[in-house]
Amino acid sequence: MIPVSYLNHVEFQNFLSHSEEEFGFDHPMGGLTILC
């Protein structure tokens, strides 16, 4: 569980963008999956 406010942090946004570029967001878990 992470606070929604993390979505406003540039560092977290960059982390999500990198994750999306590497792996995409379409994973069978049904939620946001961050492969790291």
Full PDB file with SEQRES, HELIX, SHEET, SSBOND, CRYST1, ORIGX, SCALE, CONECT and MASTER records, all heavy atoms in Angstrom:
SEQRES   1 A   36  MET ILE PRO VAL SER TYR LEU ASN HIS VAL GLU PHE GLN          
SEQRES   2 A   36  ASN PHE LEU SER HIS SER GLU GLU GLU PHE GLY PHE ASP          
SEQRES   3 A   36  HIS PRO MET GLY GLY LEU THR ILE LEU CYS                      
HELIX    1 AA1 VAL A    4  ASN A    8  5                                   5    
HELIX    2 AA2 VAL A   10  PHE A   23  1                                  14    
CRYST1    1.000    1.000    1.000  90.00  90.00  90.00 P 1           1          
ORIGX1      1.000000  0.000000  0.000000        0.00000                         
ORIGX2      0.000000  1.000000  0.000000        0.00000                         
ORIGX3      0.000000  0.000000  1.000000        0.00000                         
SCALE1      1.000000  0.000000  0.000000        0.00000                         
SCALE2      0.000000  1.000000  0.000000        0.00000                         
SCALE3      0.000000  0.000000  1.000000        0.00000                         
ATOM      1  N   MET A   1       0.856  -1.191   0.000  1.00  0.00           N  
ATOM      2  CA  MET A   1       0.000   0.000   0.000  1.00  0.00           C  
ATOM      3  C   MET A   1       0.888   1.234   0.000  1.00  0.00           C  
ATOM      4  O   MET A   1       1.800   1.333   0.828  1.00  0.00           O  
ATOM      5  CB  MET A   1      -0.881   0.048   1.245  1.00  0.00           C  
ATOM      6  CG  MET A   1      -1.744  -1.140   1.458  1.00  0.00           C  
ATOM      7  SD  MET A   1      -2.983  -1.286   0.209  1.00  0.00           S  
ATOM      8  CE  MET A   1      -3.614  -2.883   0.630  1.00  0.00           C  
ATOM      9  N   ILE A   2       0.609   2.142  -0.911  1.00  0.00           N  
ATOM     10  CA  ILE A   2       1.363   3.389  -0.945  1.00  0.00           C  
ATOM     11  C   ILE A   2       0.381   4.562  -0.956  1.00  0.00           C  
ATOM     12  O   ILE A   2      -0.718   4.443  -1.493  1.00  0.00           O  
ATOM     13  CB  ILE A   2       2.316   3.475  -2.156  1.00  0.00           C  
ATOM     14  CG1 ILE A   2       1.536   3.414  -3.468  1.00  0.00           C  
ATOM     15  CG2 ILE A   2       3.381   2.404  -2.092  1.00  0.00           C  
ATOM     16  CD1 ILE A   2       2.352   3.767  -4.678  1.00  0.00           C  
ATOM     17  N   PRO A   3       0.763   5.679  -0.368  1.00  0.00           N  
ATOM     18  CA  PRO A   3      -0.109   6.859  -0.397  1.00  0.00           C  
ATOM     19  C   PRO A   3      -0.278   7.366  -1.837  1.00  0.00           C  
ATOM     20  O   PRO A   3       0.673   7.367  -2.617  1.00  0.00           O  
ATOM     21  CB  PRO A   3       0.634   7.897   0.442  1.00  0.00           C  
ATOM     22  CG  PRO A   3       1.634   7.134   1.230  1.00  0.00           C  
ATOM     23  CD  PRO A   3       1.964   5.916   0.431  1.00  0.00           C  
ATOM     24  N   VAL A   4      -1.472   7.778  -2.176  1.00  0.00           N  
ATOM     25  CA  VAL A   4      -1.747   8.336  -3.496  1.00  0.00           C  
ATOM     26  C   VAL A   4      -0.866   9.561  -3.746  1.00  0.00           C  
ATOM     27  O   VAL A   4      -0.483   9.852  -4.877  1.00  0.00           O  
ATOM     28  CB  VAL A   4      -3.248   8.685  -3.637  1.00  0.00           C  
ATOM     29  CG1 VAL A   4      -3.534   9.414  -4.924  1.00  0.00           C  
ATOM     30  CG2 VAL A   4      -4.087   7.421  -3.551  1.00  0.00           C  
ATOM     31  N   SER A   5      -0.485  10.256  -2.685  1.00  0.00           N  
ATOM     32  CA  SER A   5       0.359  11.451  -2.817  1.00  0.00           C  
ATOM     33  C   SER A   5       1.693  11.149  -3.490  1.00  0.00           C  
ATOM     34  O   SER A   5       2.313  12.053  -4.050  1.00  0.00           O  
ATOM     35  CB  SER A   5       0.588  12.096  -1.450  1.00  0.00           C  
ATOM     36  OG  SER A   5       1.299  11.217  -0.607  1.00  0.00           O  
ATOM     37  N   TYR A   6       2.153   9.893  -3.453  1.00  0.00           N  
ATOM     38  CA  TYR A   6       3.399   9.536  -4.133  1.00  0.00           C  
ATOM     39  C   TYR A   6       3.327   9.833  -5.618  1.00  0.00           C  
ATOM     40  O   TYR A   6       4.346  10.070  -6.257  1.00  0.00           O  
ATOM     41  CB  TYR A   6       3.736   8.063  -3.934  1.00  0.00           C  
ATOM     42  CG  TYR A   6       4.301   7.714  -2.585  1.00  0.00           C  
ATOM     43  CD1 TYR A   6       4.427   8.653  -1.565  1.00  0.00           C  
ATOM     44  CD2 TYR A   6       4.701   6.424  -2.307  1.00  0.00           C  
ATOM     45  CE1 TYR A   6       4.934   8.310  -0.328  1.00  0.00           C  
ATOM     46  CE2 TYR A   6       5.219   6.068  -1.074  1.00  0.00           C  
ATOM     47  CZ  TYR A   6       5.331   7.014  -0.092  1.00  0.00           C  
ATOM     48  OH  TYR A   6       5.838   6.674   1.126  1.00  0.00           O  
ATOM     49  N   LEU A   7       2.122   9.808  -6.180  1.00  0.00           N  
ATOM     50  CA  LEU A   7       1.958  10.066  -7.614  1.00  0.00           C  
ATOM     51  C   LEU A   7       2.356  11.494  -7.971  1.00  0.00           C  
ATOM     52  O   LEU A   7       2.608  11.792  -9.139  1.00  0.00           O  
ATOM     53  CB  LEU A   7       0.520   9.789  -8.048  1.00  0.00           C  
ATOM     54  CG  LEU A   7       0.043   8.351  -7.849  1.00  0.00           C  
ATOM     55  CD1 LEU A   7      -1.435   8.238  -8.205  1.00  0.00           C  
ATOM     56  CD2 LEU A   7       0.874   7.380  -8.660  1.00  0.00           C  
ATOM     57  N   ASN A   8       2.432  12.378  -6.991  1.00  0.00           N  
ATOM     58  CA  ASN A   8       2.849  13.764  -7.226  1.00  0.00           C  
ATOM     59  C   ASN A   8       4.361  13.954  -7.158  1.00  0.00           C  
ATOM     60  O   ASN A   8       4.857  14.997  -7.558  1.00  0.00           O  
ATOM     61  CB  ASN A   8       2.193  14.700  -6.202  1.00  0.00           C  
ATOM     62  CG  ASN A   8       0.703  14.770  -6.376  1.00  0.00           C  
ATOM     63  OD1 ASN A   8       0.195  14.730  -7.486  1.00  0.00           O  
ATOM     64  ND2 ASN A   8      -0.015  14.861  -5.276  1.00  0.00           N  
ATOM     65  N   HIS A   9       5.086  12.973  -6.649  1.00  0.00           N  
ATOM     66  CA  HIS A   9       6.543  13.078  -6.515  1.00  0.00           C  
ATOM     67  C   HIS A   9       7.207  12.782  -7.859  1.00  0.00           C  
ATOM     68  O   HIS A   9       6.947  11.754  -8.477  1.00  0.00           O  
ATOM     69  CB  HIS A   9       7.074  12.085  -5.475  1.00  0.00           C  
ATOM     70  CG  HIS A   9       6.782  12.482  -4.067  1.00  0.00           C  
ATOM     71  ND1 HIS A   9       7.623  13.294  -3.346  1.00  0.00           N  
ATOM     72  CD2 HIS A   9       5.749  12.169  -3.249  1.00  0.00           C  
ATOM     73  CE1 HIS A   9       7.122  13.473  -2.139  1.00  0.00           C  
ATOM     74  NE2 HIS A   9       5.978  12.795  -2.050  1.00  0.00           N  
ATOM     75  N   VAL A  10       8.075  13.690  -8.275  1.00  0.00           N  
ATOM     76  CA  VAL A  10       8.778  13.526  -9.557  1.00  0.00           C  
ATOM     77  C   VAL A  10       9.582  12.228  -9.569  1.00  0.00           C  
ATOM     78  O   VAL A  10       9.594  11.505 -10.571  1.00  0.00           O  
ATOM     79  CB  VAL A  10       9.700  14.741  -9.828  1.00  0.00           C  
ATOM     80  CG1 VAL A  10      10.561  14.512 -11.051  1.00  0.00           C  
ATOM     81  CG2 VAL A  10       8.868  15.997  -9.990  1.00  0.00           C  
ATOM     82  N   GLU A  11      10.213  11.911  -8.450  1.00  0.00           N  
ATOM     83  CA  GLU A  11      11.022  10.683  -8.387  1.00  0.00           C  
ATOM     84  C   GLU A  11      10.152   9.440  -8.599  1.00  0.00           C  
ATOM     85  O   GLU A  11      10.538   8.515  -9.308  1.00  0.00           O  
ATOM     86  CB  GLU A  11      11.747  10.611  -7.042  1.00  0.00           C  
ATOM     87  CG  GLU A  11      12.784   9.528  -6.992  1.00  0.00           C  
ATOM     88  CD  GLU A  11      13.624   9.564  -5.725  1.00  0.00           C  
ATOM     89  OE1 GLU A  11      13.364  10.392  -4.829  1.00  0.00           O  
ATOM     90  OE2 GLU A  11      14.544   8.749  -5.636  1.00  0.00           O  
ATOM     91  N   PHE A  12       8.959   9.413  -8.020  1.00  0.00           N  
ATOM     92  CA  PHE A  12       8.064   8.275  -8.203  1.00  0.00           C  
ATOM     93  C   PHE A  12       7.521   8.247  -9.632  1.00  0.00           C  
ATOM     94  O   PHE A  12       7.394   7.182 -10.229  1.00  0.00           O  
ATOM     95  CB  PHE A  12       6.906   8.321  -7.191  1.00  0.00           C  
ATOM     96  CG  PHE A  12       6.150   7.024  -7.106  1.00  0.00           C  
ATOM     97  CD1 PHE A  12       6.666   5.953  -6.405  1.00  0.00           C  
ATOM     98  CD2 PHE A  12       4.926   6.880  -7.735  1.00  0.00           C  
ATOM     99  CE1 PHE A  12       5.980   4.748  -6.322  1.00  0.00           C  
ATOM    100  CE2 PHE A  12       4.233   5.678  -7.657  1.00  0.00           C  
ATOM    101  CZ  PHE A  12       4.759   4.610  -6.957  1.00  0.00           C  
ATOM    102  N   GLN A  13       7.214   9.403 -10.198  1.00  0.00           N  
ATOM    103  CA  GLN A  13       6.745   9.481 -11.577  1.00  0.00           C  
ATOM    104  C   GLN A  13       7.804   8.936 -12.532  1.00  0.00           C  
ATOM    105  O   GLN A  13       7.486   8.179 -13.451  1.00  0.00           O  
ATOM    106  CB  GLN A  13       6.399  10.923 -11.941  1.00  0.00           C  
ATOM    107  CG  GLN A  13       5.209  11.468 -11.187  1.00  0.00           C  
ATOM    108  CD  GLN A  13       5.040  12.971 -11.364  1.00  0.00           C  
ATOM    109  OE1 GLN A  13       5.845  13.637 -12.009  1.00  0.00           O  
ATOM    110  NE2 GLN A  13       3.980  13.509 -10.790  1.00  0.00           N  
ATOM    111  N   ASN A  14       9.059   9.309 -12.310  1.00  0.00           N  
ATOM    112  CA  ASN A  14      10.148   8.796 -13.141  1.00  0.00           C  
ATOM    113  C   ASN A  14      10.292   7.286 -12.992  1.00  0.00           C  
ATOM    114  O   ASN A  14      10.528   6.567 -13.966  1.00  0.00           O  
ATOM    115  CB  ASN A  14      11.466   9.495 -12.802  1.00  0.00           C  
ATOM    116  CG  ASN A  14      11.478  10.944 -13.226  1.00  0.00           C  
ATOM    117  OD1 ASN A  14      10.748  11.347 -14.128  1.00  0.00           O  
ATOM    118  ND2 ASN A  14      12.302  11.741 -12.573  1.00  0.00           N  
ATOM    119  N   PHE A  15      10.140   6.813 -11.761  1.00  0.00           N  
ATOM    120  CA  PHE A  15      10.218   5.381 -11.488  1.00  0.00           C  
ATOM    121  C   PHE A  15       9.113   4.634 -12.250  1.00  0.00           C  
ATOM    122  O   PHE A  15       9.367   3.609 -12.884  1.00  0.00           O  
ATOM    123  CB  PHE A  15      10.101   5.145  -9.977  1.00  0.00           C  
ATOM    124  CG  PHE A  15      10.294   3.728  -9.552  1.00  0.00           C  
ATOM    125  CD1 PHE A  15      11.562   3.187  -9.447  1.00  0.00           C  
ATOM    126  CD2 PHE A  15       9.201   2.936  -9.234  1.00  0.00           C  
ATOM    127  CE1 PHE A  15      11.747   1.879  -9.051  1.00  0.00           C  
ATOM    128  CE2 PHE A  15       9.375   1.635  -8.823  1.00  0.00           C  
ATOM    129  CZ  PHE A  15      10.646   1.096  -8.731  1.00  0.00           C  
ATOM    130  N   LEU A  16       7.884   5.156 -12.214  1.00  0.00           N  
ATOM    131  CA  LEU A  16       6.779   4.529 -12.939  1.00  0.00           C  
ATOM    132  C   LEU A  16       6.996   4.571 -14.446  1.00  0.00           C  
ATOM    133  O   LEU A  16       6.717   3.590 -15.144  1.00  0.00           O  
ATOM    134  CB  LEU A  16       5.452   5.210 -12.600  1.00  0.00           C  
ATOM    135  CG  LEU A  16       4.824   4.887 -11.263  1.00  0.00           C  
ATOM    136  CD1 LEU A  16       3.532   5.678 -11.089  1.00  0.00           C  
ATOM    137  CD2 LEU A  16       4.551   3.406 -11.132  1.00  0.00           C  
ATOM    138  N   SER A  17       7.493   5.682 -14.949  1.00  0.00           N  
ATOM    139  CA  SER A  17       7.752   5.798 -16.384  1.00  0.00           C  
ATOM    140  C   SER A  17       8.788   4.776 -16.834  1.00  0.00           C  
ATOM    141  O   SER A  17       8.625   4.129 -17.868  1.00  0.00           O  
ATOM    142  CB  SER A  17       8.232   7.204 -16.737  1.00  0.00           C  
ATOM    143  OG  SER A  17       7.196   8.126 -16.560  1.00  0.00           O  
ATOM    144  N   HIS A  18       9.839   4.632 -16.037  1.00  0.00           N  
ATOM    145  CA  HIS A  18      10.875   3.651 -16.365  1.00  0.00           C  
ATOM    146  C   HIS A  18      10.292   2.230 -16.338  1.00  0.00           C  
ATOM    147  O   HIS A  18      10.559   1.426 -17.225  1.00  0.00           O  
ATOM    148  CB  HIS A  18      12.044   3.777 -15.392  1.00  0.00           C  
ATOM    149  CG  HIS A  18      13.126   2.782 -15.643  1.00  0.00           C  
ATOM    150  ND1 HIS A  18      13.961   2.858 -16.733  1.00  0.00           N  
ATOM    151  CD2 HIS A  18      13.487   1.674 -14.965  1.00  0.00           C  
ATOM    152  CE1 HIS A  18      14.792   1.831 -16.707  1.00  0.00           C  
ATOM    153  NE2 HIS A  18      14.526   1.103 -15.640  1.00  0.00           N  
ATOM    154  N   SER A  19       9.483   1.950 -15.334  1.00  0.00           N  
ATOM    155  CA  SER A  19       8.852   0.637 -15.228  1.00  0.00           C  
ATOM    156  C   SER A  19       7.940   0.370 -16.425  1.00  0.00           C  
ATOM    157  O   SER A  19       7.930  -0.727 -16.980  1.00  0.00           O  
ATOM    158  CB  SER A  19       8.056   0.545 -13.927  1.00  0.00           C  
ATOM    159  OG  SER A  19       7.430  -0.697 -13.817  1.00  0.00           O  
ATOM    160  N   GLU A  20       7.191   1.381 -16.824  1.00  0.00           N  
ATOM    161  CA  GLU A  20       6.298   1.232 -17.974  1.00  0.00           C  
ATOM    162  C   GLU A  20       7.096   0.965 -19.251  1.00  0.00           C  
ATOM    163  O   GLU A  20       6.739   0.103 -20.054  1.00  0.00           O  
ATOM    164  CB  GLU A  20       5.447   2.475 -18.159  1.00  0.00           C  
ATOM    165  CG  GLU A  20       4.530   2.385 -19.368  1.00  0.00           C  
ATOM    166  CD  GLU A  20       3.832   3.682 -19.693  1.00  0.00           C  
ATOM    167  OE1 GLU A  20       4.317   4.754 -19.288  1.00  0.00           O  
ATOM    168  OE2 GLU A  20       2.799   3.619 -20.371  1.00  0.00           O  
ATOM    169  N   GLU A  21       8.190   1.703 -19.440  1.00  0.00           N  
ATOM    170  CA  GLU A  21       9.020   1.516 -20.630  1.00  0.00           C  
ATOM    171  C   GLU A  21       9.621   0.118 -20.668  1.00  0.00           C  
ATOM    172  O   GLU A  21       9.676  -0.509 -21.715  1.00  0.00           O  
ATOM    173  CB  GLU A  21      10.143   2.551 -20.665  1.00  0.00           C  
ATOM    174  CG  GLU A  21       9.667   3.948 -20.976  1.00  0.00           C  
ATOM    175  CD  GLU A  21      10.751   4.998 -20.772  1.00  0.00           C  
ATOM    176  OE1 GLU A  21      11.939   4.635 -20.607  1.00  0.00           O  
ATOM    177  OE2 GLU A  21      10.402   6.193 -20.773  1.00  0.00           O  
ATOM    178  N   GLU A  22      10.055  -0.377 -19.515  1.00  0.00           N  
ATOM    179  CA  GLU A  22      10.690  -1.690 -19.441  1.00  0.00           C  
ATOM    180  C   GLU A  22       9.696  -2.836 -19.573  1.00  0.00           C  
ATOM    181  O   GLU A  22       9.930  -3.790 -20.297  1.00  0.00           O  
ATOM    182  CB  GLU A  22      11.429  -1.845 -18.106  1.00  0.00           C  
ATOM    183  CG  GLU A  22      12.690  -1.049 -17.991  1.00  0.00           C  
ATOM    184  CD  GLU A  22      13.839  -1.667 -18.769  1.00  0.00           C  
ATOM    185  OE1 GLU A  22      14.003  -2.895 -18.748  1.00  0.00           O  
ATOM    186  OE2 GLU A  22      14.570  -0.889 -19.404  1.00  0.00           O  
ATOM    187  N   PHE A  23       8.569  -2.740 -18.857  1.00  0.00           N  
ATOM    188  CA  PHE A  23       7.689  -3.889 -18.709  1.00  0.00           C  
ATOM    189  C   PHE A  23       6.236  -3.637 -19.088  1.00  0.00           C  
ATOM    190  O   PHE A  23       5.457  -4.576 -19.192  1.00  0.00           O  
ATOM    191  CB  PHE A  23       7.709  -4.383 -17.247  1.00  0.00           C  
ATOM    192  CG  PHE A  23       9.090  -4.626 -16.722  1.00  0.00           C  
ATOM    193  CD1 PHE A  23       9.663  -3.761 -15.812  1.00  0.00           C  
ATOM    194  CD2 PHE A  23       9.822  -5.712 -17.147  1.00  0.00           C  
ATOM    195  CE1 PHE A  23      10.940  -3.971 -15.325  1.00  0.00           C  
ATOM    196  CE2 PHE A  23      11.103  -5.940 -16.669  1.00  0.00           C  
ATOM    197  CZ  PHE A  23      11.663  -5.066 -15.760  1.00  0.00           C  
ATOM    198  N   GLY A  24       5.829  -2.381 -19.220  1.00  0.00           N  
ATOM    199  CA  GLY A  24       4.421  -2.070 -19.442  1.00  0.00           C  
ATOM    200  C   GLY A  24       3.634  -2.219 -18.154  1.00  0.00           C  
ATOM    201  O   GLY A  24       4.180  -2.570 -17.108  1.00  0.00           O  
ATOM    202  N   PHE A  25       2.347  -1.935 -18.208  1.00  0.00           N  
ATOM    203  CA  PHE A  25       1.492  -2.051 -17.028  1.00  0.00           C  
ATOM    204  C   PHE A  25       0.478  -3.175 -17.150  1.00  0.00           C  
ATOM    205  O   PHE A  25      -0.343  -3.374 -16.286  1.00  0.00           O  
ATOM    206  CB  PHE A  25       0.737  -0.736 -16.782  1.00  0.00           C  
ATOM    207  CG  PHE A  25       1.588   0.364 -16.216  1.00  0.00           C  
ATOM    208  CD1 PHE A  25       1.549   1.626 -16.765  1.00  0.00           C  
ATOM    209  CD2 PHE A  25       2.412   0.151 -15.134  1.00  0.00           C  
ATOM    210  CE1 PHE A  25       2.309   2.647 -16.241  1.00  0.00           C  
ATOM    211  CE2 PHE A  25       3.187   1.160 -14.598  1.00  0.00           C  
ATOM    212  CZ  PHE A  25       3.131   2.410 -15.156  1.00  0.00           C  
ATOM    213  N   ASP A  26       0.484  -3.901 -18.254  1.00  0.00           N  
ATOM    214  CA  ASP A  26      -0.514  -4.941 -18.493  1.00  0.00           C  
ATOM    215  C   ASP A  26      -0.012  -6.268 -17.938  1.00  0.00           C  
ATOM    216  O   ASP A  26       0.692  -7.014 -18.613  1.00  0.00           O  
ATOM    217  CB  ASP A  26      -0.794  -5.050 -19.989  1.00  0.00           C  
ATOM    218  CG  ASP A  26      -1.973  -5.960 -20.276  1.00  0.00           C  
ATOM    219  OD1 ASP A  26      -2.818  -6.141 -19.385  1.00  0.00           O  
ATOM    220  OD2 ASP A  26      -2.033  -6.492 -21.395  1.00  0.00           O  
ATOM    221  N   HIS A  27      -0.353  -6.549 -16.691  1.00  0.00           N  
ATOM    222  CA  HIS A  27       0.102  -7.763 -16.032  1.00  0.00           C  
ATOM    223  C   HIS A  27      -1.089  -8.484 -15.408  1.00  0.00           C  
ATOM    224  O   HIS A  27      -2.089  -7.868 -15.064  1.00  0.00           O  
ATOM    225  CB  HIS A  27       1.141  -7.431 -14.953  1.00  0.00           C  
ATOM    226  CG  HIS A  27       2.367  -6.803 -15.519  1.00  0.00           C  
ATOM    227  ND1 HIS A  27       3.333  -7.508 -16.177  1.00  0.00           N  
ATOM    228  CD2 HIS A  27       2.767  -5.506 -15.577  1.00  0.00           C  
ATOM    229  CE1 HIS A  27       4.279  -6.684 -16.599  1.00  0.00           C  
ATOM    230  NE2 HIS A  27       3.950  -5.461 -16.239  1.00  0.00           N  
ATOM    231  N   PRO A  28      -0.986  -9.795 -15.225  1.00  0.00           N  
ATOM    232  CA  PRO A  28      -2.121 -10.599 -14.766  1.00  0.00           C  
ATOM    233  C   PRO A  28      -2.540 -10.388 -13.319  1.00  0.00           C  
ATOM    234  O   PRO A  28      -3.548 -10.920 -12.898  1.00  0.00           O  
ATOM    235  CB  PRO A  28      -1.635 -12.038 -14.965  1.00  0.00           C  
ATOM    236  CG  PRO A  28      -0.156 -11.963 -14.920  1.00  0.00           C  
ATOM    237  CD  PRO A  28       0.190 -10.612 -15.511  1.00  0.00           C  
ATOM    238  N   MET A  29      -1.817  -9.585 -12.541  1.00  0.00           N  
ATOM    239  CA  MET A  29      -2.167  -9.398 -11.133  1.00  0.00           C  
ATOM    240  C   MET A  29      -3.458  -8.606 -10.978  1.00  0.00           C  
ATOM    241  O   MET A  29      -4.076  -8.625  -9.932  1.00  0.00           O  
ATOM    242  CB  MET A  29      -1.039  -8.680 -10.384  1.00  0.00           C  
ATOM    243  CG  MET A  29       0.270  -9.432 -10.323  1.00  0.00           C  
ATOM    244  SD  MET A  29       0.164 -10.993  -9.456  1.00  0.00           S  
ATOM    245  CE  MET A  29      -0.087 -10.435  -7.785  1.00  0.00           C  
ATOM    246  N   GLY A  30      -3.867  -7.876 -12.009  1.00  0.00           N  
ATOM    247  CA  GLY A  30      -5.104  -7.110 -11.941  1.00  0.00           C  
ATOM    248  C   GLY A  30      -4.933  -5.711 -11.393  1.00  0.00           C  
ATOM    249  O   GLY A  30      -5.852  -4.930 -11.393  1.00  0.00           O  
ATOM    250  N   GLY A  31      -3.769  -5.372 -10.933  1.00  0.00           N  
ATOM    251  CA  GLY A  31      -3.493  -4.035 -10.410  1.00  0.00           C  
ATOM    252  C   GLY A  31      -2.209  -3.518 -11.004  1.00  0.00           C  
ATOM    253  O   GLY A  31      -1.645  -4.111 -11.924  1.00  0.00           O  
ATOM    254  N   LEU A  32      -1.738  -2.421 -10.493  1.00  0.00           N  
ATOM    255  CA  LEU A  32      -0.484  -1.851 -10.960  1.00  0.00           C  
ATOM    256  C   LEU A  32       0.654  -2.740 -10.482  1.00  0.00           C  
ATOM    257  O   LEU A  32       0.834  -2.955  -9.283  1.00  0.00           O  
ATOM    258  CB  LEU A  32      -0.325  -0.430 -10.409  1.00  0.00           C  
ATOM    259  CG  LEU A  32       0.954   0.309 -10.767  1.00  0.00           C  
ATOM    260  CD1 LEU A  32       1.110   0.435 -12.273  1.00  0.00           C  
ATOM    261  CD2 LEU A  32       0.957   1.677 -10.117  1.00  0.00           C  
ATOM    262  N   THR A  33       1.405  -3.285 -11.430  1.00  0.00           N  
ATOM    263  CA  THR A  33       2.519  -4.176 -11.122  1.00  0.00           C  
ATOM    264  C   THR A  33       3.818  -3.493 -11.493  1.00  0.00           C  
ATOM    265  O   THR A  33       3.969  -3.019 -12.616  1.00  0.00           O  
ATOM    266  CB  THR A  33       2.381  -5.504 -11.901  1.00  0.00           C  
ATOM    267  OG1 THR A  33       1.132  -6.094 -11.574  1.00  0.00           O  
ATOM    268  CG2 THR A  33       3.497  -6.461 -11.556  1.00  0.00           C  
ATOM    269  N   ILE A  34       4.730  -3.424 -10.549  1.00  0.00           N  
ATOM    270  CA  ILE A  34       6.029  -2.815 -10.777  1.00  0.00           C  
ATOM    271  C   ILE A  34       7.073  -3.918 -10.659  1.00  0.00           C  
ATOM    272  O   ILE A  34       7.324  -4.433  -9.570  1.00  0.00           O  
ATOM    273  CB  ILE A  34       6.307  -1.682  -9.771  1.00  0.00           C  
ATOM    274  CG1 ILE A  34       5.215  -0.619  -9.876  1.00  0.00           C  
ATOM    275  CG2 ILE A  34       7.684  -1.086 -10.012  1.00  0.00           C  
ATOM    276  CD1 ILE A  34       5.280   0.451  -8.817  1.00  0.00           C  
ATOM    277  N   LEU A  35       7.631  -4.299 -11.797  1.00  0.00           N  
ATOM    278  CA  LEU A  35       8.613  -5.369 -11.815  1.00  0.00           C  
ATOM    279  C   LEU A  35       9.993  -4.797 -11.497  1.00  0.00           C  
ATOM    280  O   LEU A  35      10.629  -4.169 -12.334  1.00  0.00           O  
ATOM    281  CB  LEU A  35       8.629  -6.058 -13.181  1.00  0.00           C  
ATOM    282  CG  LEU A  35       7.324  -6.736 -13.574  1.00  0.00           C  
ATOM    283  CD1 LEU A  35       7.392  -7.243 -14.994  1.00  0.00           C  
ATOM    284  CD2 LEU A  35       7.008  -7.865 -12.620  1.00  0.00           C  
ATOM    285  N   CYS A  36      10.409  -4.966 -10.260  1.00  0.00           N  
ATOM    286  CA  CYS A  36      11.732  -4.539  -9.817  1.00  0.00           C  
ATOM    287  C   CYS A  36      12.046  -5.297  -8.535  1.00  0.00           C  
ATOM    288  O   CYS A  36      11.168  -5.913  -7.936  1.00  0.00           O  
ATOM    289  CB  CYS A  36      11.787  -3.033  -9.581  1.00  0.00           C  
ATOM    290  SG  CYS A  36      10.880  -2.474  -8.132  1.00  0.00           S  
TER     291      CYS A  36                                                      
MASTER        0    0    0    2    0    0    0    6  290    1    0    3          
END                                                                             
